[in-house]
């Protein structure tokens, strides 16, 4: 649970008392007095854009109402996992006292300077002024001013921010232009970009992203996702760097990207990816199955904890250097790719073992980095993850962090279901994905082990329709958009509860999935996609009469 603002204030008061005592006892030099002049750029957001302010999570925007003065104000859309921190770095003079002030409105709005003083107000219904002073260090030449709201307290507003004092030295050198601007992903309504960092004689403080001649984003890192675009439309982007003195680089080289076709505003992501398990069930040659069936993607199972917050295949095999990596390399050499499945029903999982969302995101990042992934799947099951509110939220927040750090990466959640749609825990997972702004690309249900259901086609479709309805009501999507965020992961042949999904039934399910343009179709598993009539539920065959790799061939016909 996050620290409450009042607790933070109590600690801050104690810290300031201690600082004051130290100043009385040991002060040996008096700082210079600042001459009044606002050294911030765009202090009242009158430009209509944020630059040179940068906001975390792209949660900042300029609004025309409510304002304190002029025609614009900052709106920071604080969420339950991001306080919408907006900041600006400026050049300052050493050993000098500055006055910082601003007008704010909203619940628990903070104003401060990195490494120095801050102040806050609880919940004014109208604009209220915050102010403080701070003194720069003996060799300090830049300062970062920030504003932020509080977790779960909603949007805050800020206007007419002033940092009064002398500007910094005579830095007139602009940063170098950002290099290698490239697109790292796209949907029908967004484009993800990345670029190489610029250099500067003092230091780069941020980057401005332009669509054509219009500035659309200001960020502190070397990646960004531009949203609000139209489907099937060509856009040209450039990026400029800036430093604390306000010097702006030349534009990067441009990159042109055409967004995906519409299809109801979905993710633009389609994946036919049956499970392949290398640690169990007489695993077949992945490339031989590809050649025989036309399948291109596999869901590779399972990544677990090897102790603490450390990912490994089956919790035992290193991510790289072993057979798992060799198989993945062969799949890619044959023109395919993989999505790892993290979690599952059993085993020691990362979700409960990682102490925080940030730690869990670090574990996920190791997997992403090991293989340069396009997508990751968290198979969230059982009472340790799925039926655990704390771990659910930890997983959602971790996926949000990883997605923000890897533009273009698709995130998938796979979980159980009833015959009519998500269970209460599934409903909570979806609702929290919305509340936490986790931006999950695909919600995949596992429509089997219902308890002996006879009509597996009807039960699967009813469960998928129930999921679609829940996605619509939670996110406000239309039918087409909800279907485009939906996945199905079945069980071929006999399920654990002896439910029968025959090749004919699976073909019906695939055809329904294509007709609704869902995002993902998978089944458990390729290891079991072999005939053994009367064989029961085993690891290396389906328990029914079928052709070898028949379910995989059917799945390869999924196009979304």
Protein backbone atom coordinates (compact mmCIF):
# COMPACT_ATOMS: atom_id res chain seq x y z
CA UNK A 1 0.00 0.00 0.00
CA UNK A 2 1.36 3.43 -0.90
CA UNK A 3 2.31 5.96 1.78
CA UNK A 4 -0.44 8.48 2.46
CA UNK A 5 0.26 12.17 1.67
CA UNK A 6 -0.08 13.13 5.34
CA UNK A 7 2.54 10.59 6.34
CA UNK A 8 4.86 11.97 3.69
CA UNK A 9 4.23 15.49 4.98
CA UNK A 10 5.05 14.43 8.54
CA UNK A 11 8.39 13.02 7.44
CA UNK A 12 9.07 16.12 5.34
CA UNK A 13 8.41 18.46 8.31
CA UNK A 14 10.83 16.49 10.46
CA UNK A 15 13.41 16.62 7.69
CA UNK A 16 13.01 20.38 7.29
CA UNK A 17 13.35 20.94 11.07
CA UNK A 18 16.58 18.98 10.99
CA UNK A 19 17.83 20.95 8.00
CA UNK A 20 17.02 24.25 9.67
CA UNK A 21 18.90 23.25 12.81
CA UNK A 22 21.90 22.29 10.75
CA UNK A 23 21.82 25.62 8.93
CA UNK A 24 21.81 27.58 12.20
CA UNK A 25 24.62 25.53 13.68
CA UNK A 26 26.94 25.27 10.71
CA UNK A 27 26.24 27.98 8.13
CA UNK A 28 29.46 29.54 6.91
CA UNK A 29 28.45 31.27 3.66
CA UNK A 30 25.38 33.21 2.64
CA UNK A 31 23.83 32.47 -0.74
CA UNK A 32 23.32 35.13 -3.35
CA UNK A 33 19.92 36.75 -3.75
CA UNK A 34 18.08 36.02 -6.98
CA UNK A 35 16.90 38.87 -9.15
CA UNK A 36 13.22 38.35 -9.95
CA UNK A 37 12.76 36.90 -13.44
CA UNK A 38 10.87 33.76 -14.39
CA UNK A 39 13.39 31.39 -15.93
CA UNK A 40 10.81 28.71 -16.83
CA UNK A 41 9.64 28.32 -20.41
CA UNK A 42 5.94 28.01 -21.20
CA UNK A 43 5.05 28.75 -17.55
CA UNK A 44 1.36 29.37 -18.25
CA UNK A 45 0.96 26.73 -20.99
CA UNK A 46 -0.10 29.45 -23.39
CA UNK A 47 1.72 27.83 -26.30
CA UNK A 48 -1.03 25.22 -26.51
CA UNK A 49 1.53 22.45 -26.02
CA UNK A 50 3.51 20.99 -23.14
CA UNK A 51 7.07 21.59 -24.34
CA UNK A 52 9.46 21.89 -22.64
CA UNK A 53 7.50 20.22 -19.82
CA UNK A 54 7.64 16.39 -19.81
CA UNK A 55 5.00 14.25 -18.10
CA UNK A 56 5.25 10.61 -17.00
CA UNK A 57 3.06 8.07 -18.78
CA UNK A 58 2.02 10.67 -21.38
CA UNK A 59 -0.55 11.70 -18.77
CA UNK A 60 -0.13 15.46 -19.17
CA UNK A 61 -2.08 17.68 -21.54
CA UNK A 62 -2.94 21.36 -22.04
CA UNK A 63 -6.59 22.30 -21.49
CA UNK A 64 -8.57 25.48 -22.04
CA UNK A 65 -10.57 25.07 -18.82
CA UNK A 66 -10.23 25.40 -15.89
CA UNK A 67 -7.39 27.96 -16.11
CA UNK A 68 -5.98 30.41 -13.58
CA UNK A 69 -4.98 32.93 -16.21
CA UNK A 70 -4.64 33.15 -19.95
CA UNK A 71 -5.95 30.52 -22.32
CA UNK A 72 -4.27 27.30 -21.17
CA UNK A 73 -3.44 25.19 -18.12
CA UNK A 74 -1.78 21.87 -17.40
CA UNK A 75 -4.00 18.84 -16.72
CA UNK A 76 -2.26 15.84 -15.14
CA UNK A 77 -4.38 12.67 -15.26
CA UNK A 78 -3.07 10.92 -12.14
CA UNK A 79 -4.04 7.25 -11.96
CA UNK A 80 -3.83 4.57 -9.31
CA UNK A 81 -0.33 3.66 -10.52
CA UNK A 82 1.09 6.95 -11.89
CA UNK A 83 0.99 10.37 -10.20
CA UNK A 84 1.29 12.19 -13.58
CA UNK A 85 4.56 13.94 -12.70
CA UNK A 86 5.30 16.84 -15.08
CA UNK A 87 8.73 18.48 -14.96
CA UNK A 88 10.99 21.00 -16.65
CA UNK A 89 14.76 21.39 -16.30
CA UNK A 90 16.35 24.85 -16.48
CA UNK A 91 19.82 26.34 -16.17
CA UNK A 92 20.49 28.04 -12.81
CA UNK A 93 23.37 29.74 -11.05
CA UNK A 94 25.24 28.09 -8.18
CA UNK A 95 24.78 29.15 -4.55
CA UNK A 96 21.70 31.23 -5.36
CA UNK A 97 18.25 31.39 -3.77
CA UNK A 98 15.26 30.93 -6.07
CA UNK A 99 11.52 31.34 -5.46
CA UNK A 100 9.18 28.73 -6.93
CA UNK A 101 5.43 29.25 -7.09
CA UNK A 102 2.40 28.03 -8.99
CA UNK A 103 -1.38 27.89 -8.96
CA UNK A 104 -2.89 24.41 -8.58
CA UNK A 105 -6.30 22.78 -8.30
CA UNK A 106 -7.22 19.19 -7.35
CA UNK A 107 -6.61 16.60 -4.66
CA UNK A 108 -3.08 16.42 -3.23
CA UNK A 109 -1.15 18.48 -5.78
CA UNK A 110 2.60 18.81 -5.26
CA UNK A 111 5.09 21.46 -6.40
CA UNK A 112 8.81 21.03 -5.86
CA UNK A 113 12.34 20.82 -7.16
CA UNK A 114 14.30 17.59 -7.56
CA UNK A 115 16.62 17.00 -4.64
CA UNK A 116 15.20 19.95 -2.74
CA UNK A 117 12.10 21.41 -1.18
CA UNK A 118 8.49 20.67 -2.09
CA UNK A 119 5.05 21.70 -0.92
CA UNK A 120 1.51 20.50 -1.49
CA UNK A 121 -2.15 21.28 -0.97
CA UNK A 122 -4.88 18.81 -0.05
CA UNK A 123 -7.97 19.40 -2.19
CA UNK A 124 -8.82 22.96 -3.20
CA UNK A 125 -12.02 23.31 -5.23
CA UNK A 126 -10.57 26.42 -6.89
CA UNK A 127 -7.03 27.40 -7.83
CA UNK A 128 -4.75 27.88 -4.80
CA UNK A 129 -1.19 29.18 -4.78
CA UNK A 130 1.76 27.07 -3.70
CA UNK A 131 5.16 28.64 -3.09
CA UNK A 132 8.58 27.80 -1.68
CA UNK A 133 12.21 28.84 -1.88
CA UNK A 134 15.36 26.79 -2.35
CA UNK A 135 19.06 27.46 -2.66
CA UNK A 136 21.24 25.87 -5.30
CA UNK A 137 24.41 24.05 -4.41
CA UNK A 138 27.90 25.45 -4.73
CA UNK A 139 28.43 23.88 -8.17
CA UNK A 140 24.81 23.38 -9.30
CA UNK A 141 24.04 24.62 -12.82
CA UNK A 142 20.62 23.08 -13.49
CA UNK A 143 17.42 22.42 -11.58
CA UNK A 144 14.34 20.33 -12.36
CA UNK A 145 10.98 21.75 -11.28
CA UNK A 146 8.06 19.35 -11.00
CA UNK A 147 4.35 19.11 -10.34
CA UNK A 148 2.38 15.96 -9.66
CA UNK A 149 -0.91 14.72 -8.27
CA UNK A 150 -1.53 11.73 -6.06
CA UNK A 151 -2.27 8.09 -6.83
CA UNK A 152 -5.96 7.44 -7.43
CA UNK A 153 -6.96 11.07 -6.76
CA UNK A 154 -7.85 11.93 -10.36
CA UNK A 155 -6.84 14.81 -12.62
CA UNK A 156 -5.08 17.86 -11.19
CA UNK A 157 -4.61 21.26 -12.83
CA UNK A 158 -1.70 23.72 -12.68
CA UNK A 159 -1.08 27.13 -14.20
CA UNK A 160 1.21 30.16 -14.09
CA UNK A 161 4.26 28.40 -12.67
CA UNK A 162 7.10 30.73 -11.77
CA UNK A 163 10.75 30.12 -10.94
CA UNK A 164 12.10 33.57 -10.06
CA UNK A 165 15.84 34.11 -10.17
CA UNK A 166 18.73 34.62 -12.55
CA UNK A 167 19.12 32.32 -15.50
CA UNK A 168 22.04 29.99 -15.80
CA UNK A 169 25.37 30.69 -17.46
CA UNK A 170 26.06 31.30 -21.10
CA UNK A 171 25.31 27.85 -22.52
CA UNK A 172 24.49 28.53 -26.13
CA UNK A 173 25.36 25.11 -27.54
CA UNK A 174 22.44 23.03 -28.79
CA UNK A 175 22.36 19.24 -28.43
CA UNK A 176 23.14 17.03 -31.38
CA UNK A 177 20.19 15.83 -33.43
CA UNK A 178 18.65 12.52 -32.28
CA UNK A 179 19.83 9.64 -34.46
CA UNK A 180 18.24 6.60 -36.07
CA UNK A 181 14.60 7.55 -35.57
CA UNK A 182 12.57 4.40 -36.22
CA UNK A 183 9.14 2.89 -35.74
CA UNK A 184 9.04 0.02 -33.25
CA UNK A 185 5.34 -0.81 -33.55
CA UNK A 186 1.99 0.44 -34.75
CA UNK A 187 -1.75 -0.12 -34.50
CA UNK A 188 -4.65 1.42 -36.37
CA UNK A 189 -4.53 4.47 -34.07
CA UNK A 190 -0.95 4.73 -32.76
CA UNK A 191 2.71 4.61 -33.76
CA UNK A 192 5.56 3.73 -31.39
CA UNK A 193 8.90 5.41 -32.00
CA UNK A 194 12.44 5.10 -30.69
CA UNK A 195 15.68 6.96 -31.40
CA UNK A 196 19.31 7.16 -30.34
CA UNK A 197 20.15 9.62 -27.57
CA UNK A 198 21.51 13.07 -28.38
CA UNK A 199 24.66 14.50 -26.78
CA UNK A 200 25.16 17.95 -25.27
CA UNK A 201 27.98 19.91 -23.62
CA UNK A 202 25.92 20.18 -20.40
CA UNK A 203 23.17 17.58 -20.73
CA UNK A 204 20.01 16.73 -22.66
CA UNK A 205 16.85 17.27 -20.60
CA UNK A 206 14.14 16.11 -23.01
CA UNK A 207 12.88 15.40 -26.50
CA UNK A 208 10.02 16.88 -28.51
CA UNK A 209 8.19 14.63 -30.98
CA UNK A 210 6.68 16.18 -34.10
CA UNK A 211 4.02 14.82 -36.44
CA UNK A 212 4.72 16.81 -39.57
CA UNK A 213 5.27 20.35 -38.26
CA UNK A 214 3.05 19.84 -35.17
CA UNK A 215 4.63 19.04 -31.83
CA UNK A 216 2.61 16.19 -30.29
CA UNK A 217 4.67 14.93 -27.32
CA UNK A 218 7.47 15.93 -24.95
CA UNK A 219 9.31 13.07 -23.24
CA UNK A 220 12.45 12.63 -21.15
CA UNK A 221 13.52 9.27 -22.63
CA UNK A 222 14.35 7.97 -26.09
CA UNK A 223 11.00 6.41 -26.98
CA UNK A 224 7.39 7.52 -27.29
CA UNK A 225 4.01 6.32 -28.55
CA UNK A 226 1.93 8.80 -30.52
CA UNK A 227 -1.78 8.07 -30.23
CA UNK A 228 -4.99 9.54 -31.62
CA UNK A 229 -4.14 8.67 -35.22
CA UNK A 230 -6.42 7.54 -38.04
CA UNK A 231 -6.38 4.01 -39.55
CA UNK A 232 -4.66 3.34 -42.88
CA UNK A 233 -3.04 6.79 -42.86
CA UNK A 234 0.57 7.78 -43.58
CA UNK A 235 2.31 9.99 -41.00
CA UNK A 236 5.79 11.51 -40.92
CA UNK A 237 7.60 12.00 -37.60
CA UNK A 238 10.74 13.83 -36.45
CA UNK A 239 12.29 14.42 -33.01
CA UNK A 240 14.31 17.31 -31.55
CA UNK A 241 16.40 17.34 -28.36
CA UNK A 242 16.68 20.22 -25.86
CA UNK A 243 18.87 21.11 -22.91
CA UNK A 244 18.34 22.95 -19.63
CA UNK A 245 19.24 26.30 -21.19
CA UNK A 246 16.48 25.94 -23.74
CA UNK A 247 18.76 25.18 -26.68
CA UNK A 248 17.03 22.97 -29.26
CA UNK A 249 18.75 20.59 -31.65
CA UNK A 250 18.18 20.22 -35.34
CA UNK A 251 15.47 17.74 -36.25
CA UNK A 252 16.28 14.08 -36.54
CA UNK A 253 15.89 12.31 -39.81
CA UNK A 254 12.24 11.67 -40.54
CA UNK A 255 10.40 8.36 -40.50
CA UNK A 256 7.13 7.72 -42.33
CA UNK A 257 4.67 5.15 -41.00
CA UNK A 258 1.25 4.04 -42.26
CA UNK A 259 -1.11 2.97 -39.51
CA UNK A 260 -2.91 -0.36 -39.65
CA UNK A 261 -6.37 -0.73 -41.13
CA UNK A 262 -9.30 0.04 -38.83
CA UNK A 263 -11.30 -3.09 -38.04
CA UNK A 264 -13.20 -1.40 -35.28
CA UNK A 265 -10.26 0.15 -33.49
CA UNK A 266 -8.64 -3.08 -32.32
CA UNK A 267 -5.02 -3.79 -31.59
CA UNK A 268 -4.03 -4.76 -35.13
CA UNK A 269 -2.50 -7.88 -33.55
CA UNK A 270 -3.37 -11.42 -34.72
CA UNK A 271 -1.74 -14.58 -33.44
CA UNK A 272 -2.30 -18.29 -34.07
CA UNK A 273 0.01 -19.78 -31.45
CA UNK A 274 -0.54 -23.28 -30.01
CA UNK A 275 1.41 -24.21 -26.88
CA UNK A 276 4.71 -26.05 -27.19
CA UNK A 277 6.25 -27.41 -23.99
CA UNK A 278 9.90 -28.44 -24.16
CA UNK A 279 10.03 -29.82 -20.64
CA UNK A 280 7.29 -32.42 -20.92
CA UNK A 281 5.27 -34.68 -23.20
CA UNK A 282 7.79 -35.92 -25.78
CA UNK A 283 8.20 -32.49 -27.43
CA UNK A 284 8.21 -32.69 -31.25
CA UNK A 285 10.53 -30.88 -33.62
CA UNK A 286 9.12 -27.35 -33.80
CA UNK A 287 10.34 -26.76 -37.35
CA UNK A 288 9.00 -30.11 -38.59
CA UNK A 289 5.55 -29.20 -37.28
CA UNK A 290 5.85 -25.77 -38.94
CA UNK A 291 6.70 -27.40 -42.24
CA UNK A 292 3.83 -29.90 -41.97
CA UNK A 293 1.11 -27.46 -40.86
CA UNK A 294 2.02 -23.90 -41.85
CA UNK A 295 1.94 -22.68 -38.25
CA UNK A 296 4.22 -19.70 -37.62
CA UNK A 297 3.86 -18.87 -33.91
CA UNK A 298 4.21 -20.99 -30.80
CA UNK A 299 3.31 -20.18 -27.22
CA UNK A 300 6.33 -21.52 -25.35
CA UNK A 301 5.59 -22.88 -21.86
CA UNK A 302 6.45 -22.18 -19.05
CA UNK A 303 8.59 -19.50 -17.44
CA UNK A 304 8.61 -19.80 -13.64
CA UNK A 305 10.72 -18.65 -10.69
CA UNK A 306 14.07 -20.32 -10.20
CA UNK A 307 14.14 -18.83 -6.71
CA UNK A 308 12.90 -15.41 -5.72
CA UNK A 309 12.26 -13.04 -8.59
CA UNK A 310 14.46 -14.86 -11.14
CA UNK A 311 12.86 -16.19 -14.36
CA UNK A 312 13.80 -19.55 -15.86
CA UNK A 313 12.20 -22.16 -18.11
CA UNK A 314 10.28 -24.50 -15.80
CA UNK A 315 12.05 -22.69 -12.97
CA UNK A 316 15.13 -24.75 -13.79
CA UNK A 317 16.62 -24.02 -17.21
CA UNK A 318 18.43 -20.76 -17.95
CA UNK A 319 16.72 -18.36 -20.34
CA UNK A 320 19.66 -18.40 -22.74
CA UNK A 321 22.35 -20.80 -23.83
CA UNK A 322 20.36 -24.03 -23.66
CA UNK A 323 17.96 -26.11 -25.69
CA UNK A 324 15.11 -23.63 -25.27
CA UNK A 325 17.09 -20.91 -26.98
CA UNK A 326 18.23 -23.31 -29.70
CA UNK A 327 14.62 -24.25 -30.47
CA UNK A 328 13.55 -20.60 -30.53
CA UNK A 329 16.43 -19.77 -32.88
CA UNK A 330 15.35 -22.59 -35.22
CA UNK A 331 11.73 -21.38 -35.19
CA UNK A 332 12.83 -17.89 -36.13
CA UNK A 333 15.20 -19.19 -38.80
CA UNK A 334 12.19 -20.95 -40.33
CA UNK A 335 10.24 -17.68 -40.49
CA UNK A 336 8.28 -18.06 -37.24
CA UNK A 337 8.34 -16.60 -33.77
CA UNK A 338 7.35 -17.34 -30.18
CA UNK A 339 5.50 -15.78 -27.28
CA UNK A 340 6.59 -17.07 -23.85
CA UNK A 341 3.93 -18.17 -21.38
CA UNK A 342 4.81 -16.91 -17.91
CA UNK A 343 3.04 -18.72 -15.08
CA UNK A 344 0.52 -21.50 -15.55
CA UNK A 345 -1.46 -23.70 -13.16
CA UNK A 346 1.38 -25.15 -11.10
CA UNK A 347 4.96 -24.48 -10.09
CA UNK A 348 6.76 -21.65 -8.33
CA UNK A 349 5.60 -18.50 -10.11
CA UNK A 350 7.09 -15.05 -10.45
CA UNK A 351 3.96 -13.13 -9.47
CA UNK A 352 3.91 -14.17 -5.80
CA UNK A 353 7.71 -14.28 -5.50
CA UNK A 354 8.53 -10.80 -6.78
CA UNK A 355 8.04 -8.26 -3.99
CA UNK A 356 6.67 -5.40 -6.09
CA UNK A 357 5.36 -4.51 -9.53
CA UNK A 358 8.73 -2.93 -10.31
CA UNK A 359 10.60 -6.11 -9.35
CA UNK A 360 8.20 -8.27 -11.37
CA UNK A 361 8.59 -5.93 -14.35
CA UNK A 362 12.34 -6.44 -14.04
CA UNK A 363 11.86 -10.20 -14.24
CA UNK A 364 9.62 -9.84 -17.30
CA UNK A 365 12.20 -7.51 -18.85
CA UNK A 366 14.86 -10.20 -18.56
CA UNK A 367 12.65 -12.46 -20.67
CA UNK A 368 11.98 -9.70 -23.21
CA UNK A 369 15.69 -8.89 -23.46
CA UNK A 370 16.70 -12.54 -23.79
CA UNK A 371 14.75 -12.95 -27.01
CA UNK A 372 13.88 -9.48 -28.32
CA UNK A 373 10.20 -10.35 -28.01
CA UNK A 374 7.19 -8.96 -29.85
CA UNK A 375 4.73 -10.21 -27.22
CA UNK A 376 4.55 -11.81 -23.78
CA UNK A 377 1.74 -13.86 -22.24
CA UNK A 378 1.05 -14.16 -18.53
CA UNK A 379 -0.96 -17.32 -17.88
CA UNK A 380 -2.57 -16.26 -14.60
CA UNK A 381 -4.15 -19.20 -12.79
CA UNK A 382 -4.85 -20.79 -9.41
CA UNK A 383 -5.15 -19.21 -5.97
CA UNK A 384 -1.56 -17.92 -5.81
CA UNK A 385 -2.02 -15.53 -8.74
CA UNK A 386 -5.49 -15.42 -10.31
CA UNK A 387 -7.48 -15.58 -7.07
CA UNK A 388 -5.19 -13.17 -5.24
CA UNK A 389 -6.03 -9.47 -5.53
CA UNK A 390 -2.56 -8.29 -4.54
CA UNK A 391 -0.82 -10.47 -7.11
CA UNK A 392 -3.37 -9.61 -9.81
CA UNK A 393 -2.58 -5.93 -9.36
CA UNK A 394 1.15 -6.62 -9.21
CA UNK A 395 1.01 -8.45 -12.55
CA UNK A 396 -1.08 -5.72 -14.20
CA UNK A 397 1.21 -2.94 -13.00
CA UNK A 398 4.30 -4.92 -14.05
CA UNK A 399 2.90 -5.42 -17.55
CA UNK A 400 2.14 -1.70 -17.73
CA UNK A 401 5.76 -0.88 -16.83
CA UNK A 402 7.19 -3.37 -19.33
CA UNK A 403 4.93 -2.13 -22.11
CA UNK A 404 5.94 1.48 -21.44
CA UNK A 405 9.62 0.49 -21.55
CA UNK A 406 9.27 -1.58 -24.74
CA UNK A 407 7.25 0.35 -27.33
CA UNK A 408 5.41 -2.00 -29.65
CA UNK A 409 5.45 -4.96 -27.23
CA UNK A 410 2.05 -6.72 -27.02
CA UNK A 411 0.81 -7.96 -23.66
CA UNK A 412 -1.51 -10.94 -23.24
CA UNK A 413 -3.35 -12.24 -20.18
CA UNK A 414 -4.62 -15.85 -20.22
CA UNK A 415 -7.06 -17.05 -17.56
CA UNK A 416 -9.88 -19.51 -16.88
CA UNK A 417 -13.57 -18.92 -17.52
CA UNK A 418 -17.07 -20.21 -16.91
CA UNK A 419 -19.37 -21.28 -19.75
CA UNK A 420 -21.01 -17.83 -19.69
CA UNK A 421 -17.94 -15.65 -19.47
CA UNK A 422 -15.39 -14.51 -16.88
CA UNK A 423 -15.76 -15.61 -13.27
CA UNK A 424 -15.79 -13.03 -10.47
CA UNK A 425 -11.98 -13.14 -10.40
CA UNK A 426 -11.86 -12.74 -14.18
CA UNK A 427 -14.20 -9.76 -13.93
CA UNK A 428 -11.95 -8.22 -11.30
CA UNK A 429 -8.88 -8.76 -13.47
CA UNK A 430 -10.51 -6.92 -16.37
CA UNK A 431 -11.82 -4.12 -14.17
CA UNK A 432 -8.40 -3.61 -12.60
CA UNK A 433 -6.74 -3.61 -16.02
CA UNK A 434 -8.95 -0.63 -16.80
CA UNK A 435 -8.51 1.07 -13.40
CA UNK A 436 -4.71 0.74 -13.52
CA UNK A 437 -4.44 1.78 -17.18
CA UNK A 438 -2.50 -1.41 -17.85
CA UNK A 439 -3.26 -1.27 -21.60
CA UNK A 440 -3.50 -5.04 -22.04
CA UNK A 441 -3.66 -5.98 -25.72
CA UNK A 442 -5.40 -9.37 -25.49
CA UNK A 443 -7.55 -11.03 -22.83
CA UNK A 444 -7.45 -14.77 -23.57
CA UNK A 445 -9.85 -17.24 -21.94
CA UNK A 446 -9.29 -20.98 -21.52
CA UNK A 447 -12.72 -22.48 -22.30
CA UNK A 448 -12.34 -26.01 -20.92
CA UNK A 449 -12.50 -27.89 -17.62
CA UNK A 450 -16.02 -26.57 -17.20
CA UNK A 451 -17.04 -29.66 -15.31
CA UNK A 452 -18.03 -32.12 -18.00
CA UNK A 453 -19.61 -29.82 -20.59
CA UNK A 454 -20.85 -31.79 -23.60
CA UNK A 455 -21.18 -28.98 -26.18
CA UNK A 456 -17.66 -27.61 -26.36
CA UNK A 457 -18.40 -25.41 -29.36
CA UNK A 458 -21.45 -23.86 -27.72
CA UNK A 459 -19.70 -23.48 -24.37
CA UNK A 460 -16.62 -21.89 -25.98
CA UNK A 461 -18.67 -19.40 -28.00
CA UNK A 462 -20.87 -18.53 -25.01
CA UNK A 463 -17.79 -17.97 -22.84
CA UNK A 464 -16.18 -15.80 -25.52
CA UNK A 465 -19.35 -13.77 -25.96
CA UNK A 466 -19.47 -13.27 -22.19
CA UNK A 467 -15.90 -11.98 -22.27
CA UNK A 468 -16.76 -9.67 -25.18
CA UNK A 469 -19.70 -8.25 -23.23
CA UNK A 470 -17.49 -7.65 -20.18
CA UNK A 471 -14.83 -5.90 -22.26
CA UNK A 472 -17.48 -3.67 -23.83
CA UNK A 473 -18.99 -2.64 -20.50
CA UNK A 474 -15.61 -2.09 -18.81
CA UNK A 475 -13.76 -0.22 -21.55
CA UNK A 476 -16.67 1.31 -23.45
CA UNK A 477 -15.73 -0.49 -26.66
CA UNK A 478 -17.99 -1.49 -29.51
CA UNK A 479 -18.36 -5.15 -30.55
CA UNK A 480 -15.58 -5.06 -33.14
CA UNK A 481 -13.06 -3.48 -30.77
CA UNK A 482 -13.92 -5.91 -27.96
CA UNK A 483 -13.51 -8.92 -30.25
CA UNK A 484 -10.15 -7.51 -31.43
CA UNK A 485 -8.90 -7.66 -27.81
CA UNK A 486 -10.15 -11.22 -27.21
CA UNK A 487 -8.38 -14.57 -27.41
CA UNK A 488 -9.30 -18.24 -27.05
CA UNK A 489 -6.97 -20.96 -25.78
CA UNK A 490 -8.65 -24.37 -25.90
CA UNK A 491 -7.62 -27.95 -25.11
CA UNK A 492 -7.44 -30.39 -28.00
CA UNK A 493 -9.03 -33.82 -27.71
CA UNK A 494 -9.94 -34.75 -24.15
CA UNK A 495 -9.66 -32.17 -21.40
CA UNK A 496 -8.68 -32.96 -17.82
CA UNK A 497 -12.40 -33.44 -17.11
CA UNK A 498 -12.97 -35.65 -20.17
CA UNK A 499 -14.66 -32.91 -22.22
CA UNK A 500 -14.25 -33.68 -25.93
CA UNK A 501 -13.07 -31.10 -28.46
CA UNK A 502 -12.81 -32.98 -31.74
CA UNK A 503 -11.05 -31.69 -34.88
CA UNK A 504 -14.48 -30.86 -36.30
CA UNK A 505 -15.38 -28.88 -33.19
CA UNK A 506 -12.06 -27.06 -33.20
CA UNK A 507 -12.62 -26.17 -36.86
CA UNK A 508 -16.00 -24.66 -35.90
CA UNK A 509 -14.34 -22.66 -33.13
CA UNK A 510 -11.63 -21.43 -35.50
CA UNK A 511 -14.19 -20.39 -38.11
CA UNK A 512 -16.19 -18.52 -35.45
CA UNK A 513 -12.97 -16.82 -34.30
CA UNK A 514 -12.21 -15.72 -37.86
CA UNK A 515 -15.75 -14.44 -38.41
CA UNK A 516 -15.51 -12.27 -35.26
CA UNK A 517 -11.93 -11.15 -36.03
CA UNK A 518 -10.61 -11.98 -32.57
CA UNK A 519 -6.93 -11.45 -31.75
CA UNK A 520 -5.56 -14.83 -30.72
CA UNK A 521 -6.20 -18.58 -31.06
CA UNK A 522 -4.19 -21.18 -29.13
CA UNK A 523 -4.62 -24.65 -27.66
CA UNK A 524 -2.96 -26.97 -25.16
CA UNK A 525 -0.87 -28.40 -26.74
CA UNK A 526 1.20 -29.34 -29.79
CA UNK A 527 2.78 -32.07 -27.64
CA UNK A 528 -0.71 -33.65 -27.41
CA UNK A 529 -1.59 -33.15 -31.10
CA UNK A 530 -1.20 -36.87 -31.88
CA UNK A 531 -3.60 -39.76 -32.01
CA UNK A 532 -4.21 -42.21 -29.15
CA UNK A 533 -7.88 -43.25 -29.15
CA UNK A 534 -8.88 -44.40 -25.70
CA UNK A 535 -5.57 -43.14 -24.36
CA UNK A 536 -7.10 -40.78 -21.85
CA UNK A 537 -5.62 -37.46 -20.86
CA UNK A 538 -1.88 -37.83 -21.40
CA UNK A 539 1.06 -35.56 -22.06
CA UNK A 540 1.93 -36.67 -25.59
CA UNK A 541 -1.40 -37.43 -27.30
CA UNK A 542 -4.98 -36.14 -27.41
CA UNK A 543 -6.82 -39.24 -26.17
CA UNK A 544 -8.83 -39.46 -29.43
CA UNK A 545 -8.49 -40.62 -33.01
CA UNK A 546 -7.00 -37.88 -35.20
CA UNK A 547 -4.30 -37.12 -37.75
CA UNK A 548 -0.89 -36.11 -36.48
CA UNK A 549 -0.72 -32.31 -36.00
CA UNK A 550 -4.37 -31.99 -37.11
CA UNK A 551 -5.29 -29.37 -34.48
CA UNK A 552 -2.16 -27.37 -35.32
CA UNK A 553 -3.08 -27.40 -39.01
CA UNK A 554 -6.58 -26.18 -38.17
CA UNK A 555 -5.16 -23.43 -35.96
CA UNK A 556 -2.82 -22.30 -38.74
CA UNK A 557 -5.98 -21.35 -40.65
CA UNK A 558 -6.77 -18.67 -38.08
CA UNK A 559 -6.28 -15.26 -39.65
CA UNK A 560 -8.42 -13.05 -37.41
